[in-house]
N, C-alpha and C. Protein backbone atom coordinates (compact mmCIF):
# COMPACT_ATOMS: atom_id res chain seq x y z
N UNK A 1 30.06 147.54 141.25
CA UNK A 1 30.93 146.56 141.87
C UNK A 1 32.33 147.17 141.97
N UNK A 2 32.91 147.10 143.15
CA UNK A 2 34.22 147.71 143.35
C UNK A 2 35.34 146.76 142.94
N UNK A 3 36.51 147.32 142.79
CA UNK A 3 37.68 146.52 142.43
C UNK A 3 37.95 145.48 143.50
N UNK A 4 37.75 145.86 144.75
CA UNK A 4 38.00 144.94 145.87
C UNK A 4 37.12 143.69 145.76
N UNK A 5 35.86 143.87 145.45
CA UNK A 5 34.95 142.72 145.33
C UNK A 5 35.32 141.82 144.16
N UNK A 6 35.72 142.45 143.06
CA UNK A 6 36.13 141.66 141.89
C UNK A 6 37.35 140.81 142.23
N UNK A 7 38.33 141.41 142.90
CA UNK A 7 39.54 140.67 143.25
C UNK A 7 39.27 139.59 144.29
N UNK A 8 38.35 139.84 145.20
CA UNK A 8 38.00 138.82 146.20
C UNK A 8 37.36 137.60 145.54
N UNK A 9 36.67 137.80 144.44
CA UNK A 9 36.10 136.66 143.71
C UNK A 9 37.18 135.74 143.16
N UNK A 10 38.34 136.30 142.86
CA UNK A 10 39.46 135.51 142.36
C UNK A 10 40.35 134.99 143.48
N UNK A 11 39.94 135.18 144.73
CA UNK A 11 40.69 134.66 145.86
C UNK A 11 41.82 135.57 146.32
N UNK A 12 41.85 136.80 145.84
CA UNK A 12 42.88 137.74 146.25
C UNK A 12 42.34 138.56 147.41
N UNK A 13 42.71 138.17 148.63
CA UNK A 13 42.14 138.83 149.80
C UNK A 13 43.15 139.65 150.59
N UNK A 14 44.42 139.31 150.54
CA UNK A 14 45.41 140.10 151.28
C UNK A 14 45.71 141.38 150.51
N UNK A 15 46.13 142.43 151.22
CA UNK A 15 46.40 143.70 150.53
C UNK A 15 47.47 143.59 149.44
N UNK A 16 48.51 142.79 149.68
CA UNK A 16 49.56 142.65 148.66
C UNK A 16 49.05 141.92 147.43
N UNK A 17 48.28 140.88 147.63
CA UNK A 17 47.76 140.14 146.47
C UNK A 17 46.75 140.99 145.70
N UNK A 18 45.98 141.81 146.40
CA UNK A 18 45.04 142.70 145.71
C UNK A 18 45.80 143.72 144.87
N UNK A 19 46.85 144.28 145.43
CA UNK A 19 47.64 145.27 144.68
C UNK A 19 48.32 144.63 143.48
N UNK A 20 48.81 143.42 143.64
CA UNK A 20 49.42 142.71 142.52
C UNK A 20 48.38 142.40 141.44
N UNK A 21 47.17 142.07 141.85
CA UNK A 21 46.09 141.82 140.89
C UNK A 21 45.74 143.07 140.10
N UNK A 22 45.66 144.20 140.80
CA UNK A 22 45.38 145.47 140.13
C UNK A 22 46.53 145.84 139.19
N UNK A 23 47.77 145.63 139.64
CA UNK A 23 48.93 145.92 138.79
C UNK A 23 48.91 145.05 137.54
N UNK A 24 48.59 143.77 137.70
CA UNK A 24 48.53 142.88 136.54
C UNK A 24 47.43 143.31 135.57
N UNK A 25 46.27 143.70 136.10
CA UNK A 25 45.19 144.18 135.22
C UNK A 25 45.60 145.46 134.50
N UNK A 26 46.24 146.37 135.23
CA UNK A 26 46.69 147.62 134.61
C UNK A 26 47.70 147.38 133.51
N UNK A 27 48.63 146.44 133.74
CA UNK A 27 49.62 146.14 132.73
C UNK A 27 48.99 145.45 131.51
N UNK A 28 48.03 144.56 131.76
CA UNK A 28 47.34 143.91 130.64
C UNK A 28 46.58 144.92 129.80
N UNK A 29 45.94 145.88 130.46
CA UNK A 29 45.23 146.92 129.72
C UNK A 29 46.22 147.79 128.96
N UNK A 30 47.35 148.11 129.60
CA UNK A 30 48.35 148.94 128.95
C UNK A 30 48.98 148.29 127.74
N UNK A 31 49.22 146.99 127.83
CA UNK A 31 49.85 146.27 126.72
C UNK A 31 48.83 145.87 125.67
N UNK A 32 47.66 145.44 126.10
CA UNK A 32 46.68 144.90 125.15
C UNK A 32 45.72 145.91 124.57
N UNK A 33 45.24 146.83 125.38
CA UNK A 33 44.16 147.70 124.95
C UNK A 33 44.62 149.09 124.53
N UNK A 34 45.57 149.67 125.24
CA UNK A 34 45.99 151.05 124.96
C UNK A 34 46.51 151.25 123.53
N UNK A 35 47.40 150.39 123.01
CA UNK A 35 47.84 150.61 121.63
C UNK A 35 46.70 150.53 120.61
N UNK A 36 45.75 149.64 120.86
CA UNK A 36 44.60 149.53 119.96
C UNK A 36 43.77 150.80 119.99
N UNK A 37 43.51 151.31 121.20
CA UNK A 37 42.75 152.56 121.32
C UNK A 37 43.49 153.73 120.70
N UNK A 38 44.79 153.80 120.90
CA UNK A 38 45.59 154.88 120.32
C UNK A 38 45.54 154.82 118.79
N UNK A 39 45.70 153.62 118.25
CA UNK A 39 45.71 153.47 116.79
C UNK A 39 44.37 153.89 116.18
N UNK A 40 43.27 153.34 116.71
CA UNK A 40 41.98 153.63 116.09
C UNK A 40 41.49 155.04 116.38
N UNK A 41 41.91 155.63 117.49
CA UNK A 41 41.59 157.04 117.73
C UNK A 41 42.32 157.91 116.72
N UNK A 42 43.58 157.59 116.44
CA UNK A 42 44.32 158.32 115.42
C UNK A 42 43.73 158.17 114.04
N UNK A 43 43.31 156.97 113.70
CA UNK A 43 42.67 156.73 112.39
C UNK A 43 41.38 157.52 112.29
N UNK A 44 40.59 157.53 113.37
CA UNK A 44 39.32 158.24 113.35
C UNK A 44 39.53 159.75 113.29
N UNK A 45 40.47 160.27 114.05
CA UNK A 45 40.67 161.72 114.13
C UNK A 45 41.45 162.27 112.93
N UNK A 46 42.47 161.54 112.50
CA UNK A 46 43.36 162.07 111.47
C UNK A 46 43.26 161.35 110.13
N UNK A 47 42.67 160.17 110.14
CA UNK A 47 42.61 159.37 108.92
C UNK A 47 43.83 158.46 108.81
N UNK A 48 43.70 157.48 107.95
CA UNK A 48 44.82 156.55 107.73
C UNK A 48 45.92 157.23 106.95
N UNK A 49 47.14 156.83 107.25
CA UNK A 49 48.25 157.33 106.46
C UNK A 49 49.04 156.15 105.92
N UNK A 50 49.86 156.42 104.94
CA UNK A 50 50.57 155.38 104.20
C UNK A 50 51.45 154.54 105.12
N UNK A 51 51.27 153.23 105.08
CA UNK A 51 52.12 152.31 105.82
C UNK A 51 51.76 152.14 107.28
N UNK A 52 50.66 152.72 107.72
CA UNK A 52 50.28 152.61 109.13
C UNK A 52 49.54 151.30 109.37
N UNK A 53 49.91 150.62 110.43
CA UNK A 53 49.18 149.42 110.83
C UNK A 53 49.33 149.24 112.33
N UNK A 54 48.43 148.45 112.87
CA UNK A 54 48.46 148.17 114.30
C UNK A 54 49.71 147.39 114.67
N UNK A 55 50.13 146.49 113.82
CA UNK A 55 51.35 145.72 114.08
C UNK A 55 52.58 146.61 114.14
N UNK A 56 52.64 147.61 113.26
CA UNK A 56 53.77 148.53 113.29
C UNK A 56 53.76 149.38 114.56
N UNK A 57 52.56 149.71 115.05
CA UNK A 57 52.47 150.47 116.30
C UNK A 57 53.02 149.65 117.46
N UNK A 58 52.60 148.39 117.54
CA UNK A 58 53.13 147.51 118.59
C UNK A 58 54.65 147.36 118.47
N UNK A 59 55.12 147.17 117.25
CA UNK A 59 56.57 147.03 117.03
C UNK A 59 57.30 148.29 117.48
N UNK A 60 56.76 149.44 117.17
CA UNK A 60 57.37 150.70 117.56
C UNK A 60 57.37 150.86 119.08
N UNK A 61 56.28 150.49 119.73
CA UNK A 61 56.21 150.61 121.18
C UNK A 61 57.17 149.65 121.87
N UNK A 62 57.27 148.43 121.38
CA UNK A 62 58.19 147.48 121.99
C UNK A 62 59.64 147.88 121.76
N UNK A 63 59.93 148.43 120.60
CA UNK A 63 61.27 148.95 120.34
C UNK A 63 61.56 150.14 121.25
N UNK A 64 60.56 150.96 121.49
CA UNK A 64 60.71 152.08 122.41
C UNK A 64 60.98 151.64 123.84
N UNK A 65 60.39 150.52 124.26
CA UNK A 65 60.68 149.99 125.59
C UNK A 65 62.14 149.58 125.70
N UNK A 66 62.63 148.95 124.65
CA UNK A 66 64.03 148.51 124.65
C UNK A 66 64.98 149.69 124.69
N UNK A 67 64.58 150.78 124.03
CA UNK A 67 65.44 151.96 123.97
C UNK A 67 65.13 152.98 125.06
N UNK A 68 64.30 152.60 126.03
CA UNK A 68 63.94 153.44 127.18
C UNK A 68 63.22 154.72 126.76
N UNK A 69 62.29 154.60 125.82
CA UNK A 69 61.49 155.74 125.39
C UNK A 69 60.41 156.03 126.43
N UNK A 70 60.34 157.27 126.88
CA UNK A 70 59.35 157.66 127.88
C UNK A 70 57.93 157.43 127.34
N UNK A 71 57.70 157.74 126.08
CA UNK A 71 56.37 157.60 125.49
C UNK A 71 55.89 156.15 125.54
N UNK A 72 56.76 155.21 125.23
CA UNK A 72 56.37 153.79 125.28
C UNK A 72 56.05 153.36 126.70
N UNK A 73 56.85 153.78 127.64
CA UNK A 73 56.60 153.42 129.04
C UNK A 73 55.30 154.03 129.54
N UNK A 74 54.98 155.24 129.11
CA UNK A 74 53.73 155.88 129.53
C UNK A 74 52.53 155.13 128.97
N UNK A 75 52.63 154.67 127.73
CA UNK A 75 51.52 153.92 127.14
C UNK A 75 51.28 152.63 127.91
N UNK A 76 52.34 151.89 128.19
CA UNK A 76 52.18 150.60 128.84
C UNK A 76 51.86 150.71 130.34
N UNK A 77 52.43 151.69 131.03
CA UNK A 77 52.21 151.81 132.47
C UNK A 77 51.13 152.83 132.82
N UNK A 78 50.56 153.50 131.82
CA UNK A 78 49.57 154.53 132.05
C UNK A 78 48.35 154.11 132.84
N UNK A 79 47.70 153.00 132.52
CA UNK A 79 46.51 152.62 133.28
C UNK A 79 46.81 152.36 134.76
N UNK A 80 47.91 151.70 135.06
CA UNK A 80 48.26 151.46 136.46
C UNK A 80 48.67 152.77 137.13
N UNK A 81 49.34 153.64 136.40
CA UNK A 81 49.71 154.95 136.94
C UNK A 81 48.50 155.79 137.29
N UNK A 82 47.47 155.74 136.44
CA UNK A 82 46.24 156.46 136.74
C UNK A 82 45.56 155.89 137.98
N UNK A 83 45.59 154.59 138.14
CA UNK A 83 45.03 153.96 139.34
C UNK A 83 45.78 154.45 140.59
N UNK A 84 47.12 154.48 140.52
CA UNK A 84 47.90 154.95 141.66
C UNK A 84 47.65 156.42 141.95
N UNK A 85 47.51 157.23 140.91
CA UNK A 85 47.20 158.65 141.10
C UNK A 85 45.85 158.82 141.78
N UNK A 86 44.84 158.09 141.32
CA UNK A 86 43.52 158.16 141.93
C UNK A 86 43.58 157.71 143.39
N UNK A 87 44.30 156.64 143.65
CA UNK A 87 44.42 156.11 145.01
C UNK A 87 45.12 157.13 145.92
N UNK A 88 46.17 157.77 145.43
CA UNK A 88 46.87 158.78 146.21
C UNK A 88 46.03 160.01 146.47
N UNK A 89 45.29 160.46 145.45
CA UNK A 89 44.42 161.62 145.64
C UNK A 89 43.29 161.33 146.61
N UNK A 90 42.78 160.12 146.56
CA UNK A 90 41.73 159.73 147.51
C UNK A 90 42.25 159.69 148.93
N UNK A 91 43.47 159.17 149.12
CA UNK A 91 44.07 159.14 150.46
C UNK A 91 44.35 160.56 150.95
N UNK A 92 44.82 161.45 150.05
CA UNK A 92 45.07 162.83 150.42
C UNK A 92 43.77 163.52 150.81
N UNK A 93 42.69 163.26 150.05
CA UNK A 93 41.39 163.85 150.36
C UNK A 93 40.89 163.40 151.72
N UNK A 94 41.00 162.11 151.98
CA UNK A 94 40.54 161.59 153.29
C UNK A 94 41.36 162.15 154.44
N UNK A 95 42.67 162.32 154.23
CA UNK A 95 43.54 162.86 155.29
C UNK A 95 43.23 164.33 155.54
N UNK A 96 42.82 165.06 154.51
CA UNK A 96 42.53 166.49 154.69
C UNK A 96 41.19 166.70 155.40
N UNK A 97 40.32 165.71 155.38
CA UNK A 97 39.03 165.85 156.05
C UNK A 97 39.11 165.61 157.54
N UNK A 98 40.16 164.93 157.98
CA UNK A 98 40.26 164.65 159.43
C UNK A 98 41.15 165.62 160.14
């Protein structure tokens, strides 16, 4: 099932509303899922360290947003950025074939 079909089920049919829907999903994944994946991947790969918690990771990331930390912005905007990169590469590929 493509992203377009999923968004059409929610009534998002115009190109702008579809893009806003994808942006909202990307931001939700970036804020909700990425810090969790980063934390548990670190725990699995490196083990727990003293004072580490998921809440502290979220606090650190939100503080980083306030202080304009590139790392925090990449974590939160990463999923939508990957979508845009894929979309741009696909458009470039299609343009090179014609």
